[in-house]
Amino acid sequence: MGLSVTPMLDQESGVMVKPHRTNPAFGIKELWSRQKEIIRLKALGRLSNQEIADTLGIAVSTVYVISRSELGKQMLEMLNGEADLATVDLMKRIREVAVYAQAVEEDILFSADTDPSLKHRVAEKLIDRAIGTPVTKNINMNLNTGTLSFEDIEAIKRRAAELREITKKRYEEAQDVEIVDE
């Protein structure tokens, strides 16, 4: 990959010098597999140029030149765009599945046949999601006999109804978000 520069005679000093290159990415017309790997690692965004060089066993200057080249920038932009689209697709899929997951959790929570300790865990998770932080206070439940008091059940129902409304509102707000391609 290294481009050699032929020394020239400096007319003023009479000394042989190498011409200064102003564009280190000059001459890159195609990215090869090693160069594509450099850009892929840059797209992950977790590694510095030095770490990429160490990982691939190459000079850090090679990583710099490839990532600064026009082709490298274009490939990096393409990879980032693909990652963004994949993230959007994943978010849409999570929203779709969340509706069904919510229904399953509600079925577990309100089913007479469900084990009380499972109801407790489900209720706790639903409340955690609704308020954004884990519940630190236990629901008053006698796990030895596996029974919930009437008040416990009513409290769970109230919290579940609140959660349903919050989730519904968040889902509707998420549906209003527009994705704009630039």
C-alpha atoms as a PDB file:
ATOM      1  CA  MET A   1       0.000   0.000   0.000  1.00  0.00           C
ATOM      2  CA  GLY A   2       2.879   2.353   0.724  1.00  0.00           C
ATOM      3  CA  LEU A   3       3.339   5.018  -1.916  1.00  0.00           C
ATOM      4  CA  SER A   4       6.967   5.891  -2.493  1.00  0.00           C
ATOM      5  CA  VAL A   5       7.999   9.458  -3.094  1.00  0.00           C
ATOM      6  CA  THR A   6      11.080  10.049  -5.225  1.00  0.00           C
ATOM      7  CA  PRO A   7      13.572  12.474  -3.663  1.00  0.00           C
ATOM      8  CA  MET A   8      14.223  15.622  -5.659  1.00  0.00           C
ATOM      9  CA  LEU A   9      17.070  18.112  -5.665  1.00  0.00           C
ATOM     10  CA  ASP A  10      16.157  21.343  -3.883  1.00  0.00           C
ATOM     11  CA  GLN A  11      17.440  24.078  -6.199  1.00  0.00           C
ATOM     12  CA  GLU A  12      18.082  26.604  -3.407  1.00  0.00           C
ATOM     13  CA  SER A  13      19.977  24.386  -0.952  1.00  0.00           C
ATOM     14  CA  GLY A  14      21.363  21.769  -3.343  1.00  0.00           C
ATOM     15  CA  VAL A  15      20.094  18.998  -0.961  1.00  0.00           C
ATOM     16  CA  MET A  16      18.010  15.984  -1.963  1.00  0.00           C
ATOM     17  CA  VAL A  17      14.531  16.209  -0.311  1.00  0.00           C
ATOM     18  CA  LYS A  18      11.305  14.276  -0.485  1.00  0.00           C
ATOM     19  CA  PRO A  19       8.350  16.336  -1.722  1.00  0.00           C
ATOM     20  CA  HIS A  20       5.699  17.014   0.914  1.00  0.00           C
ATOM     21  CA  ARG A  21       2.447  15.131   0.342  1.00  0.00           C
ATOM     22  CA  THR A  22      -0.567  17.187   1.331  1.00  0.00           C
ATOM     23  CA  ASN A  23      -3.151  14.409   0.883  1.00  0.00           C
ATOM     24  CA  PRO A  24      -2.254  11.166   2.703  1.00  0.00           C
ATOM     25  CA  ALA A  25      -5.227   9.408   1.106  1.00  0.00           C
ATOM     26  CA  PHE A  26      -3.992  10.126  -2.421  1.00  0.00           C
ATOM     27  CA  GLY A  27      -4.214   7.196  -4.799  1.00  0.00           C
ATOM     28  CA  ILE A  28      -6.763   4.950  -3.014  1.00  0.00           C
ATOM     29  CA  LYS A  29      -9.071   3.746  -5.761  1.00  0.00           C
ATOM     30  CA  GLU A  30     -10.421   0.542  -4.210  1.00  0.00           C
ATOM     31  CA  LEU A  31     -10.647  -0.912  -0.713  1.00  0.00           C
ATOM     32  CA  TRP A  32      -9.290  -4.411  -0.248  1.00  0.00           C
ATOM     33  CA  SER A  33     -10.414  -6.860   2.438  1.00  0.00           C
ATOM     34  CA  ARG A  34      -7.870  -5.638   5.035  1.00  0.00           C
ATOM     35  CA  GLN A  35      -8.867  -2.031   4.382  1.00  0.00           C
ATOM     36  CA  LYS A  36     -12.553  -2.936   4.609  1.00  0.00           C
ATOM     37  CA  GLU A  37     -11.818  -4.565   7.968  1.00  0.00           C
ATOM     38  CA  ILE A  38     -10.246  -1.311   9.165  1.00  0.00           C
ATOM     39  CA  ILE A  39     -13.410   0.577   8.216  1.00  0.00           C
ATOM     40  CA  ARG A  40     -15.628  -2.103   9.783  1.00  0.00           C
ATOM     41  CA  LEU A  41     -13.744  -1.777  13.071  1.00  0.00           C
ATOM     42  CA  LYS A  42     -14.001   2.031  12.830  1.00  0.00           C
ATOM     43  CA  ALA A  43     -17.771   1.688  12.294  1.00  0.00           C
ATOM     44  CA  LEU A  44     -18.073  -0.244  15.541  1.00  0.00           C
ATOM     45  CA  GLY A  45     -16.791   2.927  17.206  1.00  0.00           C
ATOM     46  CA  ARG A  46     -15.153   1.216  20.140  1.00  0.00           C
ATOM     47  CA  LEU A  47     -11.524   1.088  19.095  1.00  0.00           C
ATOM     48  CA  SER A  48      -8.944   3.815  18.626  1.00  0.00           C
ATOM     49  CA  ASN A  49      -6.712   3.872  15.546  1.00  0.00           C
ATOM     50  CA  GLN A  50      -3.909   2.375  17.653  1.00  0.00           C
ATOM     51  CA  GLU A  51      -6.160  -0.447  18.916  1.00  0.00           C
ATOM     52  CA  ILE A  52      -7.302  -1.221  15.359  1.00  0.00           C
ATOM     53  CA  ALA A  53      -3.671  -1.273  14.205  1.00  0.00           C
ATOM     54  CA  ASP A  54      -2.706  -3.591  17.071  1.00  0.00           C
ATOM     55  CA  THR A  55      -5.677  -5.872  16.378  1.00  0.00           C
ATOM     56  CA  LEU A  56      -4.839  -6.201  12.692  1.00  0.00           C
ATOM     57  CA  GLY A  57      -1.051  -6.150  13.106  1.00  0.00           C
ATOM     58  CA  ILE A  58      -0.571  -3.083  10.915  1.00  0.00           C
ATOM     59  CA  ALA A  59       0.842   0.418  11.309  1.00  0.00           C
ATOM     60  CA  VAL A  60      -1.393   3.037  12.910  1.00  0.00           C
ATOM     61  CA  SER A  61      -0.622   5.319   9.963  1.00  0.00           C
ATOM     62  CA  THR A  62      -2.274   2.763   7.663  1.00  0.00           C
ATOM     63  CA  VAL A  63      -5.437   2.914   9.755  1.00  0.00           C
ATOM     64  CA  TYR A  64      -5.318   6.713   9.615  1.00  0.00           C
ATOM     65  CA  VAL A  65      -4.803   6.865   5.835  1.00  0.00           C
ATOM     66  CA  ILE A  66      -7.542   4.344   5.054  1.00  0.00           C
ATOM     67  CA  SER A  67     -10.088   5.921   7.405  1.00  0.00           C
ATOM     68  CA  ARG A  68      -9.324   9.418   6.040  1.00  0.00           C
ATOM     69  CA  SER A  69      -9.534   8.377   2.389  1.00  0.00           C
ATOM     70  CA  GLU A  70     -12.626   9.337   0.416  1.00  0.00           C
ATOM     71  CA  LEU A  71     -13.469   5.667  -0.186  1.00  0.00           C
ATOM     72  CA  GLY A  72     -12.976   4.900   3.500  1.00  0.00           C
ATOM     73  CA  LYS A  73     -15.265   7.764   4.504  1.00  0.00           C
ATOM     74  CA  GLN A  74     -17.910   6.607   2.017  1.00  0.00           C
ATOM     75  CA  MET A  75     -17.782   3.025   3.273  1.00  0.00           C
ATOM     76  CA  LEU A  76     -17.912   4.196   6.901  1.00  0.00           C
ATOM     77  CA  GLU A  77     -20.945   6.351   6.118  1.00  0.00           C
ATOM     78  CA  MET A  78     -22.617   3.397   4.365  1.00  0.00           C
ATOM     79  CA  LEU A  79     -21.945   1.053   7.302  1.00  0.00           C
ATOM     80  CA  ASN A  80     -23.237   3.611   9.804  1.00  0.00           C
ATOM     81  CA  GLY A  81     -26.357   4.105   7.673  1.00  0.00           C
ATOM     82  CA  GLU A  82     -26.969   0.348   7.566  1.00  0.00           C
ATOM     83  CA  ALA A  83     -26.519   0.152  11.330  1.00  0.00           C
ATOM     84  CA  ASP A  84     -28.996   3.000  11.811  1.00  0.00           C
ATOM     85  CA  LEU A  85     -31.572   1.265   9.603  1.00  0.00           C
ATOM     86  CA  ALA A  86     -31.054  -2.007  11.452  1.00  0.00           C
ATOM     87  CA  THR A  87     -31.581  -0.179  14.757  1.00  0.00           C
ATOM     88  CA  VAL A  88     -34.807   1.375  13.501  1.00  0.00           C
ATOM     89  CA  ASP A  89     -36.039  -2.017  12.265  1.00  0.00           C
ATOM     90  CA  LEU A  90     -35.183  -3.568  15.617  1.00  0.00           C
ATOM     91  CA  MET A  91     -37.009  -0.796  17.504  1.00  0.00           C
ATOM     92  CA  LYS A  92     -40.113  -1.342  15.356  1.00  0.00           C
ATOM     93  CA  ARG A  93     -39.973  -5.101  15.985  1.00  0.00           C
ATOM     94  CA  ILE A  94     -39.549  -4.588  19.737  1.00  0.00           C
ATOM     95  CA  ARG A  95     -42.601  -2.305  19.753  1.00  0.00           C
ATOM     96  CA  GLU A  96     -44.622  -4.954  17.904  1.00  0.00           C
ATOM     97  CA  VAL A  97     -43.552  -7.740  20.249  1.00  0.00           C
ATOM     98  CA  ALA A  98     -43.969  -5.574  23.350  1.00  0.00           C
ATOM     99  CA  VAL A  99     -47.729  -5.473  22.828  1.00  0.00           C
ATOM    100  CA  TYR A 100     -47.871  -9.280  22.899  1.00  0.00           C
ATOM    101  CA  ALA A 101     -45.439  -9.532  25.808  1.00  0.00           C
ATOM    102  CA  GLN A 102     -47.604  -7.112  27.760  1.00  0.00           C
ATOM    103  CA  ALA A 103     -50.671  -9.270  27.077  1.00  0.00           C
ATOM    104  CA  VAL A 104     -48.838 -12.419  28.225  1.00  0.00           C
ATOM    105  CA  GLU A 105     -47.742 -10.719  31.419  1.00  0.00           C
ATOM    106  CA  GLU A 106     -51.267  -9.512  32.081  1.00  0.00           C
ATOM    107  CA  ASP A 107     -52.619 -13.044  31.491  1.00  0.00           C
ATOM    108  CA  ILE A 108     -50.107 -14.370  34.008  1.00  0.00           C
ATOM    109  CA  LEU A 109     -50.918 -11.626  36.474  1.00  0.00           C
ATOM    110  CA  PHE A 110     -54.705 -12.042  36.355  1.00  0.00           C
ATOM    111  CA  SER A 111     -54.957 -15.812  35.909  1.00  0.00           C
ATOM    112  CA  ALA A 112     -56.374 -17.713  38.870  1.00  0.00           C
ATOM    113  CA  ASP A 113     -54.138 -20.690  38.037  1.00  0.00           C
ATOM    114  CA  THR A 114     -50.851 -18.799  38.177  1.00  0.00           C
ATOM    115  CA  ASP A 115     -48.452 -19.466  41.028  1.00  0.00           C
ATOM    116  CA  PRO A 116     -48.522 -16.495  43.443  1.00  0.00           C
ATOM    117  CA  SER A 117     -44.733 -16.098  43.449  1.00  0.00           C
ATOM    118  CA  LEU A 118     -44.805 -15.810  39.638  1.00  0.00           C
ATOM    119  CA  LYS A 119     -47.587 -13.221  39.889  1.00  0.00           C
ATOM    120  CA  HIS A 120     -45.427 -11.307  42.333  1.00  0.00           C
ATOM    121  CA  ARG A 121     -42.409 -11.320  39.967  1.00  0.00           C
ATOM    122  CA  VAL A 122     -44.537 -10.283  36.992  1.00  0.00           C
ATOM    123  CA  ALA A 123     -46.211  -7.502  38.943  1.00  0.00           C
ATOM    124  CA  GLU A 124     -42.834  -6.268  40.137  1.00  0.00           C
ATOM    125  CA  LYS A 125     -41.434  -6.204  36.590  1.00  0.00           C
ATOM    126  CA  LEU A 126     -44.480  -4.371  35.254  1.00  0.00           C
ATOM    127  CA  ILE A 127     -44.231  -1.767  37.973  1.00  0.00           C
ATOM    128  CA  ASP A 128     -40.470  -1.425  37.430  1.00  0.00           C
ATOM    129  CA  ARG A 129     -41.053  -0.680  33.751  1.00  0.00           C
ATOM    130  CA  ALA A 130     -43.852   1.751  34.484  1.00  0.00           C
ATOM    131  CA  ILE A 131     -41.859   3.879  36.904  1.00  0.00           C
ATOM    132  CA  GLY A 132     -38.433   3.306  35.378  1.00  0.00           C
ATOM    133  CA  THR A 133     -36.740   2.102  38.551  1.00  0.00           C
ATOM    134  CA  PRO A 134     -36.855  -1.219  40.388  1.00  0.00           C
ATOM    135  CA  VAL A 135     -39.438  -1.578  43.115  1.00  0.00           C
ATOM    136  CA  THR A 136     -37.726  -1.757  46.470  1.00  0.00           C
ATOM    137  CA  LYS A 137     -40.848  -2.343  48.537  1.00  0.00           C
ATOM    138  CA  ASN A 138     -42.212  -5.886  48.467  1.00  0.00           C
ATOM    139  CA  ILE A 139     -45.855  -6.518  47.773  1.00  0.00           C
ATOM    140  CA  ASN A 140     -47.364  -7.796  51.008  1.00  0.00           C
ATOM    141  CA  MET A 141     -47.782 -11.465  50.182  1.00  0.00           C
ATOM    142  CA  ASN A 142     -47.684 -14.575  52.285  1.00  0.00           C
ATOM    143  CA  LEU A 143     -45.473 -16.894  50.230  1.00  0.00           C
ATOM    144  CA  ASN A 144     -45.765 -19.720  52.754  1.00  0.00           C
ATOM    145  CA  THR A 145     -49.452 -20.251  52.049  1.00  0.00           C
ATOM    146  CA  GLY A 146     -49.311 -18.905  48.512  1.00  0.00           C
ATOM    147  CA  THR A 147     -52.170 -16.469  49.004  1.00  0.00           C
ATOM    148  CA  LEU A 148     -52.687 -12.818  48.262  1.00  0.00           C
ATOM    149  CA  SER A 149     -55.015 -10.703  50.294  1.00  0.00           C
ATOM    150  CA  PHE A 150     -57.880  -8.910  48.564  1.00  0.00           C
ATOM    151  CA  GLU A 151     -56.061  -5.610  49.092  1.00  0.00           C
ATOM    152  CA  ASP A 152     -52.889  -7.026  47.499  1.00  0.00           C
ATOM    153  CA  ILE A 153     -54.788  -8.121  44.419  1.00  0.00           C
ATOM    154  CA  GLU A 154     -56.565  -4.781  44.125  1.00  0.00           C
ATOM    155  CA  ALA A 155     -53.233  -2.938  44.473  1.00  0.00           C
ATOM    156  CA  ILE A 156     -51.715  -5.102  41.739  1.00  0.00           C
ATOM    157  CA  LYS A 157     -54.718  -4.469  39.487  1.00  0.00           C
ATOM    158  CA  ARG A 158     -54.454  -0.715  40.035  1.00  0.00           C
ATOM    159  CA  ARG A 159     -50.741  -0.698  39.269  1.00  0.00           C
ATOM    160  CA  ALA A 160     -51.288  -2.902  36.209  1.00  0.00           C
ATOM    161  CA  ALA A 161     -54.017  -0.551  34.938  1.00  0.00           C
ATOM    162  CA  GLU A 162     -51.686   2.413  35.459  1.00  0.00           C
ATOM    163  CA  LEU A 163     -48.927   0.561  33.668  1.00  0.00           C
ATOM    164  CA  ARG A 164     -51.247  -0.282  30.795  1.00  0.00           C
ATOM    165  CA  GLU A 165     -52.102   3.403  30.364  1.00  0.00           C
ATOM    166  CA  ILE A 166     -48.461   4.494  30.570  1.00  0.00           C
ATOM    167  CA  THR A 167     -47.410   1.794  28.111  1.00  0.00           C
ATOM    168  CA  LYS A 168     -50.242   2.692  25.762  1.00  0.00           C
ATOM    169  CA  LYS A 169     -49.244   6.365  25.893  1.00  0.00           C
ATOM    170  CA  ARG A 170     -45.559   5.570  25.288  1.00  0.00           C
ATOM    171  CA  TYR A 171     -46.485   3.277  22.402  1.00  0.00           C
ATOM    172  CA  GLU A 172     -48.667   5.972  20.819  1.00  0.00           C
ATOM    173  CA  GLU A 173     -45.893   8.534  21.249  1.00  0.00           C
ATOM    174  CA  ALA A 174     -43.406   6.127  19.642  1.00  0.00           C
ATOM    175  CA  GLN A 175     -45.754   5.684  16.682  1.00  0.00           C
ATOM    176  CA  ASP A 176     -45.749   9.443  16.124  1.00  0.00           C
ATOM    177  CA  VAL A 177     -41.968   9.543  15.671  1.00  0.00           C
ATOM    178  CA  GLU A 178     -40.996  10.066  12.051  1.00  0.00           C
ATOM    179  CA  ILE A 179     -37.775   8.707  10.608  1.00  0.00           C
ATOM    180  CA  VAL A 180     -36.311  11.151   8.145  1.00  0.00           C
ATOM    181  CA  ASP A 181     -33.738  10.048   5.566  1.00  0.00           C
ATOM    182  CA  GLU A 182     -31.259  12.761   4.749  1.00  0.00           C
END
